[in-house]
Amino acid sequence: MDSASDGDRSMRNTETKPPRTPPHEAHFWRRLAYLGATRGPAWWVRHSPPAFGWAAAALLPSARRSVLRNLRQIRGQASPFADARDVLATFSAYASCLTEVLASDAPGGGPALETRHQNVHHLVEARAHRRGMIMVTAHTGGWETVGSLVAKAEGLRMMFVMRPEASRGARALQDDVRKRAGVTVLHVGDDPLACLPLLTHLRGGGVVALQLDRVAPGMRTLDVVRFGRKATIPEGPVRLAQLSGAPILPVFCAREGHRRYLVEFCASRLVARRSTDSDVAEVAQHLADSLGAFLCAHPTQWFHFEH
């Protein structure tokens, strides 16, 4: 779920968070990006996003520091030149992906996105269980748009599960775009009954997509090792798999060029209803390993701007 939850402990973040963009400003900037992506000429939509991404890197020091921390976790220390290059590449990729998501709402829908699939046999194996499917993904290049394309191509009924944004206006604008693209979104907060529509959707053969790479304050988590360090992932996707019997399938995306994306499927796992703590821990580590391997191959595609 922009995330779901974790183990048998609640982990509260006691660090002082950097100030968030006020909701009205978030809506303003999202609306401006939407207008540029849907009304601008093709050359503008294709070539301008990197400049906006670089401007964001300059104007948002806390996000820039988070990206640099992420890069150093993934690939280790590097020269100042390499750090600056990769930070700018990350912001540039994010701006390009956001533009291409919003441009799907332009008259005519814009040029079709191209997707290249790796290890699609893992998807075939997960579908063979006929219990629905839980896809865990991350905030990487094109995860939202590409997910809907995969769903259409494979005939899957997909529901994205996300935590609500602080800005109602920005969320409404983005959700309208998602809806017109055929994406069903369920926003969940801390309501323990939020899993009920997810179970119903899975038992009807649907697919639930949740985020693996962000943990909100108070969210239940599972301990894992990522990049050789202790880390946590949300517990929710694993517990949902345990409750529903649906296989849990890691799927990650990366932008390879203008409107071109890679979709990588990883091996799925089943979580038995009577799984032991060690069984659950093994599945959690598999998910963390899958994400870590993908990020090592695509370090500038991780859009994780908070720490």
Protein backbone atom coordinates (compact mmCIF):
# COMPACT_ATOMS: atom_id res chain seq x y z
CA MET A 1 0.00 0.00 0.00
CA ASP A 2 1.56 3.21 -0.77
CA SER A 3 1.57 0.74 1.61
CA ALA A 4 0.02 -1.83 3.85
CA SER A 5 1.68 -2.90 7.20
CA ASP A 6 4.45 -5.07 9.14
CA GLY A 7 5.23 -7.77 11.77
CA ASP A 8 4.02 -7.96 15.31
CA ARG A 9 5.39 -4.55 16.23
CA SER A 10 4.34 -1.05 15.38
CA MET A 11 7.21 1.09 14.35
CA ARG A 12 6.75 4.78 14.86
CA ASN A 13 9.10 7.20 13.24
CA THR A 14 10.33 9.60 15.89
CA GLU A 15 12.51 11.63 13.55
CA THR A 16 11.49 15.17 12.75
CA LYS A 17 10.01 15.09 9.28
CA PRO A 18 10.90 17.79 6.76
CA PRO A 19 7.99 20.16 6.17
CA ARG A 20 5.65 18.90 3.51
CA THR A 21 4.38 20.94 0.62
CA PRO A 22 1.12 22.63 1.74
CA PRO A 23 -1.89 20.88 0.18
CA HIS A 24 -2.94 23.89 -1.91
CA GLU A 25 0.58 24.18 -3.35
CA ALA A 26 0.69 20.45 -4.16
CA HIS A 27 -2.56 20.81 -6.07
CA PHE A 28 -1.28 23.89 -7.90
CA TRP A 29 1.91 22.18 -9.09
CA ARG A 30 0.11 18.95 -10.03
CA ARG A 31 -2.44 20.96 -11.99
CA LEU A 32 0.33 22.88 -13.75
CA ALA A 33 2.07 19.61 -14.67
CA TYR A 34 -1.23 18.19 -15.91
CA LEU A 35 -1.88 21.17 -18.18
CA GLY A 36 1.64 21.03 -19.60
CA ALA A 37 1.42 17.27 -20.24
CA THR A 38 -2.03 17.32 -21.82
CA ARG A 39 -2.06 20.67 -23.64
CA GLY A 40 1.58 21.26 -24.53
CA PRO A 41 3.04 20.49 -27.98
CA ALA A 42 4.64 17.08 -28.48
CA TRP A 43 8.20 18.46 -28.45
CA TRP A 44 7.52 20.18 -25.11
CA VAL A 45 6.03 17.07 -23.52
CA ARG A 46 8.99 14.99 -24.68
CA HIS A 47 11.94 17.27 -23.94
CA SER A 48 10.97 19.63 -21.08
CA PRO A 49 10.53 17.21 -18.11
CA PRO A 50 14.26 16.81 -17.33
CA ALA A 51 14.62 20.57 -16.87
CA PHE A 52 11.73 20.58 -14.38
CA GLY A 53 13.24 17.58 -12.62
CA TRP A 54 16.58 19.37 -12.26
CA ALA A 55 14.79 22.46 -10.94
CA ALA A 56 13.02 20.31 -8.34
CA ALA A 57 16.37 18.85 -7.29
CA ALA A 58 17.70 22.37 -6.75
CA LEU A 59 14.61 23.65 -4.91
CA LEU A 60 13.95 20.62 -2.67
CA PRO A 61 17.10 19.98 -0.61
CA SER A 62 15.48 17.42 1.72
CA ALA A 63 14.29 15.34 -1.24
CA ARG A 64 17.71 15.70 -2.86
CA ARG A 65 19.42 14.44 0.29
CA SER A 66 17.04 11.48 0.47
CA VAL A 67 17.80 10.52 -3.13
CA LEU A 68 21.54 10.74 -2.45
CA ARG A 69 21.17 8.53 0.66
CA ASN A 70 19.25 5.99 -1.41
CA LEU A 71 21.89 5.97 -4.13
CA ARG A 72 24.70 5.45 -1.64
CA GLN A 73 22.83 2.55 -0.05
CA ILE A 74 22.33 0.93 -3.45
CA ARG A 75 25.68 1.45 -5.13
CA GLY A 76 27.94 2.63 -2.31
CA GLN A 77 30.04 5.77 -2.17
CA ALA A 78 30.95 7.51 -5.41
CA SER A 79 32.68 10.66 -6.58
CA PRO A 80 30.92 14.03 -6.19
CA PHE A 81 30.48 14.10 -9.96
CA ALA A 82 28.83 10.66 -10.01
CA ASP A 83 26.60 11.62 -7.07
CA ALA A 84 25.43 14.81 -8.80
CA ARG A 85 24.90 12.99 -12.10
CA ASP A 86 22.82 10.22 -10.54
CA VAL A 87 20.75 12.58 -8.37
CA LEU A 88 19.86 14.65 -11.43
CA ALA A 89 19.15 11.50 -13.42
CA THR A 90 16.71 10.35 -10.72
CA PHE A 91 14.80 13.64 -10.66
CA SER A 92 14.82 13.75 -14.46
CA ALA A 93 13.42 10.23 -14.71
CA TYR A 94 10.71 11.04 -12.16
CA ALA A 95 9.62 14.17 -14.03
CA SER A 96 9.53 12.28 -17.34
CA CYS A 97 7.49 9.44 -15.84
CA LEU A 98 5.01 11.84 -14.22
CA THR A 99 4.59 13.67 -17.52
CA GLU A 100 3.95 10.45 -19.40
CA VAL A 101 1.38 9.36 -16.80
CA LEU A 102 -0.49 12.65 -17.10
CA ALA A 103 -0.11 12.76 -20.90
CA SER A 104 -2.18 9.58 -21.14
CA ASP A 105 -5.14 11.89 -20.45
CA ALA A 106 -4.37 14.11 -23.47
CA PRO A 107 -6.78 14.15 -26.43
CA GLY A 108 -6.09 10.96 -28.33
CA GLY A 109 -4.07 9.59 -25.42
CA GLY A 110 -0.69 10.45 -26.95
CA PRO A 111 1.65 7.89 -28.50
CA ALA A 112 1.28 4.37 -27.14
CA LEU A 113 3.67 3.28 -24.40
CA GLU A 114 6.03 0.44 -25.27
CA THR A 115 6.74 -2.20 -22.63
CA ARG A 116 9.41 -4.88 -22.53
CA HIS A 117 8.71 -7.79 -20.18
CA GLN A 118 11.36 -9.85 -18.37
CA ASN A 119 10.72 -13.22 -16.73
CA VAL A 120 7.05 -13.25 -17.65
CA HIS A 121 6.94 -16.95 -16.78
CA HIS A 122 6.71 -15.88 -13.13
CA LEU A 123 3.41 -14.15 -13.92
CA VAL A 124 2.15 -17.27 -15.70
CA GLU A 125 3.05 -19.42 -12.69
CA ALA A 126 1.30 -17.07 -10.27
CA ARG A 127 -1.87 -16.99 -12.39
CA ALA A 128 -1.96 -20.78 -12.51
CA HIS A 129 -2.99 -20.89 -8.83
CA ARG A 130 -6.33 -19.23 -9.76
CA ARG A 131 -6.63 -17.51 -6.39
CA GLY A 132 -6.27 -13.94 -7.52
CA MET A 133 -2.87 -12.30 -7.16
CA ILE A 134 -1.07 -9.77 -4.99
CA MET A 135 1.49 -7.72 -6.91
CA VAL A 136 4.02 -5.89 -4.78
CA THR A 137 5.85 -3.07 -6.50
CA ALA A 138 7.72 0.11 -5.62
CA HIS A 139 7.89 3.77 -6.51
CA THR A 140 10.00 3.25 -9.59
CA GLY A 141 9.75 4.41 -13.20
CA GLY A 142 6.25 4.10 -14.62
CA TRP A 143 4.90 1.70 -11.96
CA GLU A 144 1.41 3.17 -12.15
CA THR A 145 0.90 3.52 -15.91
CA VAL A 146 2.74 0.34 -16.81
CA GLY A 147 0.77 -1.62 -14.22
CA SER A 148 -2.48 -0.70 -15.92
CA LEU A 149 -1.03 -1.69 -19.32
CA VAL A 150 0.04 -5.08 -17.97
CA ALA A 151 -3.44 -5.56 -16.52
CA LYS A 152 -5.10 -4.80 -19.85
CA ALA A 153 -2.70 -6.95 -21.85
CA GLU A 154 -3.12 -9.94 -19.53
CA GLY A 155 -6.84 -9.50 -18.89
CA LEU A 156 -6.34 -8.79 -15.18
CA ARG A 157 -8.73 -6.81 -12.97
CA MET A 158 -6.26 -4.72 -11.04
CA MET A 159 -6.84 -2.58 -7.97
CA PHE A 160 -4.08 -0.24 -6.78
CA VAL A 161 -3.94 0.30 -3.03
CA MET A 162 -2.50 3.61 -1.91
CA ARG A 163 -2.38 5.83 1.14
CA PRO A 164 -4.25 9.10 0.52
CA GLU A 165 -2.23 12.20 -0.35
CA ALA A 166 -2.40 15.19 1.98
CA SER A 167 -3.78 17.35 -0.83
CA ARG A 168 -7.34 16.35 -1.69
CA GLY A 169 -7.18 18.41 -4.87
CA ALA A 170 -3.97 16.78 -6.10
CA ARG A 171 -5.33 13.33 -5.24
CA ALA A 172 -8.62 13.97 -7.05
CA LEU A 173 -6.82 15.19 -10.16
CA GLN A 174 -4.51 12.16 -10.25
CA ASP A 175 -7.36 9.74 -9.50
CA ASP A 176 -9.40 11.14 -12.38
CA VAL A 177 -6.50 10.44 -14.72
CA ARG A 178 -6.15 6.94 -13.29
CA LYS A 179 -9.85 6.22 -13.67
CA ARG A 180 -9.91 7.28 -17.30
CA ALA A 181 -6.91 5.01 -17.88
CA GLY A 182 -8.89 2.09 -16.45
CA VAL A 183 -7.12 1.95 -13.07
CA THR A 184 -9.13 1.27 -9.91
CA VAL A 185 -7.60 2.90 -6.82
CA LEU A 186 -8.48 2.20 -3.20
CA HIS A 187 -7.15 4.75 -0.72
CA VAL A 188 -6.61 3.30 2.73
CA GLY A 189 -5.55 4.88 5.99
CA ASP A 190 -5.54 3.16 9.36
CA ASP A 191 -8.99 1.55 9.07
CA PRO A 192 -8.68 -2.16 10.00
CA LEU A 193 -11.69 -2.94 7.80
CA ALA A 194 -9.92 -1.62 4.71
CA CYS A 195 -8.75 -5.14 3.83
CA LEU A 196 -12.30 -6.42 3.31
CA PRO A 197 -12.77 -5.06 -0.23
CA LEU A 198 -9.27 -6.35 -1.05
CA LEU A 199 -10.17 -9.87 0.05
CA THR A 200 -13.38 -9.72 -1.95
CA HIS A 201 -11.48 -8.54 -5.01
CA LEU A 202 -8.90 -11.32 -4.67
CA ARG A 203 -11.47 -14.04 -4.10
CA GLY A 204 -13.16 -12.91 -7.31
CA GLY A 205 -9.92 -13.54 -9.20
CA GLY A 206 -8.70 -9.94 -9.18
CA VAL A 207 -5.23 -8.50 -8.67
CA VAL A 208 -4.29 -6.19 -5.81
CA ALA A 209 -1.19 -4.01 -6.28
CA LEU A 210 0.57 -2.62 -3.20
CA GLN A 211 3.73 -0.63 -2.58
CA LEU A 212 6.66 -2.27 -0.83
CA ASP A 213 9.15 0.55 -0.36
CA ARG A 214 7.50 3.03 2.03
CA VAL A 215 6.56 2.62 5.66
CA ALA A 216 4.29 5.24 7.22
CA PRO A 217 4.53 6.16 10.91
CA GLY A 218 2.60 3.65 13.02
CA MET A 219 2.47 1.06 10.24
CA ARG A 220 3.14 -2.58 11.16
CA THR A 221 6.31 -3.85 9.53
CA LEU A 222 8.45 -6.91 8.98
CA ASP A 223 12.20 -6.87 9.57
CA VAL A 224 14.41 -7.59 6.55
CA VAL A 225 17.96 -6.99 5.36
CA ARG A 226 18.36 -4.74 2.33
CA PHE A 227 21.69 -3.63 0.86
CA GLY A 228 23.39 -5.37 3.79
CA ARG A 229 21.57 -3.28 6.41
CA LYS A 230 18.57 -3.78 8.67
CA ALA A 231 15.40 -2.43 7.10
CA THR A 232 11.64 -2.94 7.21
CA ILE A 233 8.88 -3.52 4.71
CA PRO A 234 5.11 -3.21 5.21
CA GLU A 235 3.51 -6.27 6.75
CA GLY A 236 0.19 -5.80 4.94
CA PRO A 237 0.99 -7.48 1.59
CA VAL A 238 2.31 -10.61 3.31
CA ARG A 239 -0.62 -10.86 5.72
CA LEU A 240 -3.08 -10.27 2.88
CA ALA A 241 -1.49 -13.18 1.00
CA GLN A 242 -1.80 -15.30 4.14
CA LEU A 243 -5.49 -14.43 4.60
CA SER A 244 -6.49 -14.82 0.96
CA GLY A 245 -4.29 -17.68 -0.24
CA ALA A 246 -3.32 -15.55 -3.24
CA PRO A 247 0.29 -15.73 -4.47
CA ILE A 248 2.40 -12.65 -3.86
CA LEU A 249 4.36 -11.57 -6.96
CA PRO A 250 7.06 -8.85 -6.99
CA VAL A 251 6.84 -6.69 -10.13
CA PHE A 252 9.01 -3.66 -10.83
CA CYS A 253 9.24 -1.12 -13.64
CA ALA A 254 11.94 1.13 -15.09
CA ARG A 255 11.80 3.83 -17.75
CA GLU A 256 14.15 3.01 -20.64
CA GLY A 257 13.42 5.98 -22.89
CA HIS A 258 10.63 8.19 -24.16
CA ARG A 259 7.43 6.22 -23.48
CA ARG A 260 9.46 2.98 -23.25
CA TYR A 261 9.40 0.87 -20.08
CA LEU A 262 10.81 -2.34 -18.72
CA VAL A 263 8.56 -4.59 -16.60
CA GLU A 264 10.39 -7.23 -14.56
CA PHE A 265 8.53 -10.08 -12.87
CA CYS A 266 10.15 -11.96 -9.99
CA ALA A 267 9.36 -15.36 -8.47
CA SER A 268 6.08 -15.48 -6.56
CA ARG A 269 5.50 -16.93 -3.10
CA LEU A 270 2.54 -18.49 -1.32
CA VAL A 271 1.94 -17.81 2.37
CA ALA A 272 0.06 -20.62 4.10
CA ARG A 273 -2.65 -19.63 6.54
CA ARG A 274 -0.78 -21.44 9.34
CA SER A 275 2.65 -20.13 8.39
CA THR A 276 5.18 -19.86 11.20
CA ASP A 277 7.01 -16.64 11.97
CA SER A 278 10.06 -18.01 10.16
CA ASP A 279 7.93 -18.78 7.07
CA VAL A 280 6.64 -15.22 7.04
CA ALA A 281 10.15 -13.87 7.55
CA GLU A 282 11.41 -15.90 4.56
CA VAL A 283 8.72 -14.46 2.29
CA ALA A 284 9.43 -10.94 3.53
CA GLN A 285 13.15 -11.35 2.83
CA HIS A 286 12.40 -12.69 -0.65
CA LEU A 287 10.37 -9.55 -1.40
CA ALA A 288 13.16 -7.33 -0.05
CA ASP A 289 15.78 -9.23 -2.06
CA SER A 290 13.72 -8.90 -5.24
CA LEU A 291 13.38 -5.15 -4.74
CA GLY A 292 17.05 -4.78 -3.84
CA ALA A 293 18.23 -6.65 -6.93
CA PHE A 294 16.03 -4.51 -9.17
CA LEU A 295 17.26 -1.27 -7.60
CA CYS A 296 20.90 -2.35 -7.96
CA ALA A 297 20.25 -2.76 -11.69
CA HIS A 298 18.31 0.54 -11.93
CA PRO A 299 19.53 2.84 -9.12
CA THR A 300 18.28 6.10 -10.64
CA GLN A 301 14.74 4.75 -11.05
CA TRP A 302 13.83 4.75 -7.34
CA PHE A 303 11.55 7.70 -6.60
CA HIS A 304 11.75 7.58 -2.82
CA PHE A 305 12.01 11.22 -1.78
CA GLU A 306 11.24 10.83 1.93
CA HIS A 307 13.40 9.32 4.62
